[in-house]
Every structure is written in C-alpha cells, then in structure tokens.
Amino acid sequence: MFYLDGFCSVSTNKLCMVGSAHWFSEKGKPLKLDAVLKLNFARFINLNNSLVSGILESLASVQDSDYFEPISMMGFPR
C-alpha cells in the first residue's frame, strides 16, 4: 500500500501525489518504493459517468533495486 500526499488542480483537472510504500524484493530484501501518482479526471467528477486515467511511476533510477516499471491506471464509469 502506498501512502501518498499531494494536490489537485481544478484548472487543469489533474491530481499529483508523491509518497512511498514498503515492499520486499524477490530475495526478501526490504525495499522502500518512492513514487509519484499522476491522475487526469473530468471537470465534474461523477462515479457514474466520469473516466479517470493516470500513472504510478517510480522515483528511483532504473538501475536501483527499488525501481519498478510504470503502472498505468484507468477507471471506467459504472
């Protein structure tokens, strides 16, 4: 679970948050994963008809053991 803090811009309809999660490597070594979450949303959010998209990206260098590939997200209306 990532713990994130950030801000939401009404003028650009974007949310940006940074934070971290504690995880384990394949070999069981503890890792601290630092990340940024960027979301794009509709001007007037309604869970019945709004699309939300975004990405969770690692703040570590590709060479670091705590790096992870970007995770794309998309939330569809019900």
C-alpha atoms as a PDB file:
ATOM      1  CA  MET A   1       0.000   0.000   0.000  1.00  0.00           C
ATOM      2  CA  PHE A   2       1.348   3.410  -0.980  1.00  0.00           C
ATOM      3  CA  TYR A   3       0.949   6.351   1.380  1.00  0.00           C
ATOM      4  CA  LEU A   4       0.608   9.463  -0.783  1.00  0.00           C
ATOM      5  CA  ASP A   5       0.210  13.215  -0.301  1.00  0.00           C
ATOM      6  CA  GLY A   6      -0.272  15.825  -2.976  1.00  0.00           C
ATOM      7  CA  PHE A   7      -2.534  18.340  -4.611  1.00  0.00           C
ATOM      8  CA  CYS A   8      -5.367  18.603  -7.056  1.00  0.00           C
ATOM      9  CA  SER A   9      -5.589  21.352  -9.682  1.00  0.00           C
ATOM     10  CA  VAL A  10      -9.126  22.289 -10.663  1.00  0.00           C
ATOM     11  CA  SER A  11      -7.862  24.449 -13.541  1.00  0.00           C
ATOM     12  CA  THR A  12      -6.007  21.535 -15.204  1.00  0.00           C
ATOM     13  CA  ASN A  13      -8.197  18.659 -13.923  1.00  0.00           C
ATOM     14  CA  LYS A  14      -5.117  16.823 -12.632  1.00  0.00           C
ATOM     15  CA  LEU A  15      -4.086  15.227  -9.371  1.00  0.00           C
ATOM     16  CA  CYS A  16      -0.415  14.797  -8.434  1.00  0.00           C
ATOM     17  CA  MET A  17       0.740  12.926  -5.343  1.00  0.00           C
ATOM     18  CA  VAL A  18       4.082  11.609  -4.083  1.00  0.00           C
ATOM     19  CA  GLY A  19       4.769   9.031  -1.428  1.00  0.00           C
ATOM     20  CA  SER A  20       6.148   5.629  -0.636  1.00  0.00           C
ATOM     21  CA  ALA A  21       5.399   2.017   0.203  1.00  0.00           C
ATOM     22  CA  HIS A  22       7.368  -0.678   1.999  1.00  0.00           C
ATOM     23  CA  TRP A  23       7.821  -3.878   0.000  1.00  0.00           C
ATOM     24  CA  PHE A  24      10.197  -6.831  -0.414  1.00  0.00           C
ATOM     25  CA  SER A  25      12.488  -7.825  -3.281  1.00  0.00           C
ATOM     26  CA  GLU A  26      12.313 -11.276  -4.869  1.00  0.00           C
ATOM     27  CA  LYS A  27      15.106 -12.303  -2.471  1.00  0.00           C
ATOM     28  CA  GLY A  28      13.203 -10.994   0.561  1.00  0.00           C
ATOM     29  CA  LYS A  29      15.229  -7.812   0.995  1.00  0.00           C
ATOM     30  CA  PRO A  30      13.118  -4.918   2.387  1.00  0.00           C
ATOM     31  CA  LEU A  31      12.573  -2.060  -0.063  1.00  0.00           C
ATOM     32  CA  LYS A  32      11.157   1.442   0.227  1.00  0.00           C
ATOM     33  CA  LEU A  33       9.412   2.284  -3.034  1.00  0.00           C
ATOM     34  CA  ASP A  34       9.151   6.034  -3.685  1.00  0.00           C
ATOM     35  CA  ALA A  35       6.622   7.012  -6.341  1.00  0.00           C
ATOM     36  CA  VAL A  36       4.569   9.735  -7.974  1.00  0.00           C
ATOM     37  CA  LEU A  37       0.894   9.286  -8.884  1.00  0.00           C
ATOM     38  CA  LYS A  38      -0.483  11.433 -11.717  1.00  0.00           C
ATOM     39  CA  LEU A  39      -4.213  11.312 -12.469  1.00  0.00           C
ATOM     40  CA  ASN A  40      -6.343  13.084 -15.081  1.00  0.00           C
ATOM     41  CA  PHE A  41     -10.048  13.474 -14.444  1.00  0.00           C
ATOM     42  CA  ALA A  42     -13.156  15.126 -15.796  1.00  0.00           C
ATOM     43  CA  ARG A  43     -14.080  18.646 -14.697  1.00  0.00           C
ATOM     44  CA  PHE A  44     -17.102  17.452 -12.731  1.00  0.00           C
ATOM     45  CA  ILE A  45     -16.397  14.022 -11.307  1.00  0.00           C
ATOM     46  CA  ASN A  46     -19.332  11.653 -11.157  1.00  0.00           C
ATOM     47  CA  LEU A  47     -18.664   7.960 -10.491  1.00  0.00           C
ATOM     48  CA  ASN A  48     -21.493   7.022 -12.866  1.00  0.00           C
ATOM     49  CA  ASN A  49     -20.163   8.764 -15.976  1.00  0.00           C
ATOM     50  CA  SER A  50     -16.566  10.013 -15.490  1.00  0.00           C
ATOM     51  CA  LEU A  51     -13.364   8.471 -16.795  1.00  0.00           C
ATOM     52  CA  VAL A  52     -10.192   8.743 -14.697  1.00  0.00           C
ATOM     53  CA  SER A  53      -6.778   7.836 -16.101  1.00  0.00           C
ATOM     54  CA  GLY A  54      -3.260   8.076 -14.796  1.00  0.00           C
ATOM     55  CA  ILE A  55       0.074   6.513 -13.996  1.00  0.00           C
ATOM     56  CA  LEU A  56       2.079   5.481 -10.947  1.00  0.00           C
ATOM     57  CA  GLU A  57       5.804   5.970 -11.593  1.00  0.00           C
ATOM     58  CA  SER A  58       8.879   5.048  -9.603  1.00  0.00           C
ATOM     59  CA  LEU A  59      11.092   7.900  -8.437  1.00  0.00           C
ATOM     60  CA  ALA A  60      14.126   5.580  -8.337  1.00  0.00           C
ATOM     61  CA  SER A  61      16.649   5.212 -11.146  1.00  0.00           C
ATOM     62  CA  VAL A  62      16.207   2.232 -13.482  1.00  0.00           C
ATOM     63  CA  GLN A  63      19.437   0.735 -12.093  1.00  0.00           C
ATOM     64  CA  ASP A  64      18.233   0.854  -8.453  1.00  0.00           C
ATOM     65  CA  SER A  65      16.843  -2.262  -6.754  1.00  0.00           C
ATOM     66  CA  ASP A  66      13.772  -0.288  -5.633  1.00  0.00           C
ATOM     67  CA  TYR A  67      12.814   0.760  -9.187  1.00  0.00           C
ATOM     68  CA  PHE A  68       9.549  -0.542 -10.643  1.00  0.00           C
ATOM     69  CA  GLU A  69       8.015  -0.236 -14.093  1.00  0.00           C
ATOM     70  CA  PRO A  70       5.305   2.443 -14.521  1.00  0.00           C
ATOM     71  CA  ILE A  71       1.774   1.268 -13.760  1.00  0.00           C
ATOM     72  CA  SER A  72      -0.985   2.681 -15.980  1.00  0.00           C
ATOM     73  CA  MET A  73      -4.446   3.110 -14.490  1.00  0.00           C
ATOM     74  CA  MET A  74      -7.875   3.695 -15.911  1.00  0.00           C
ATOM     75  CA  GLY A  75     -11.163   3.989 -14.053  1.00  0.00           C
ATOM     76  CA  PHE A  76     -14.288   3.456 -16.133  1.00  0.00           C
ATOM     77  CA  PRO A  77     -17.740   4.649 -15.185  1.00  0.00           C
ATOM     78  CA  ARG A  78     -20.177   2.043 -13.975  1.00  0.00           C
END
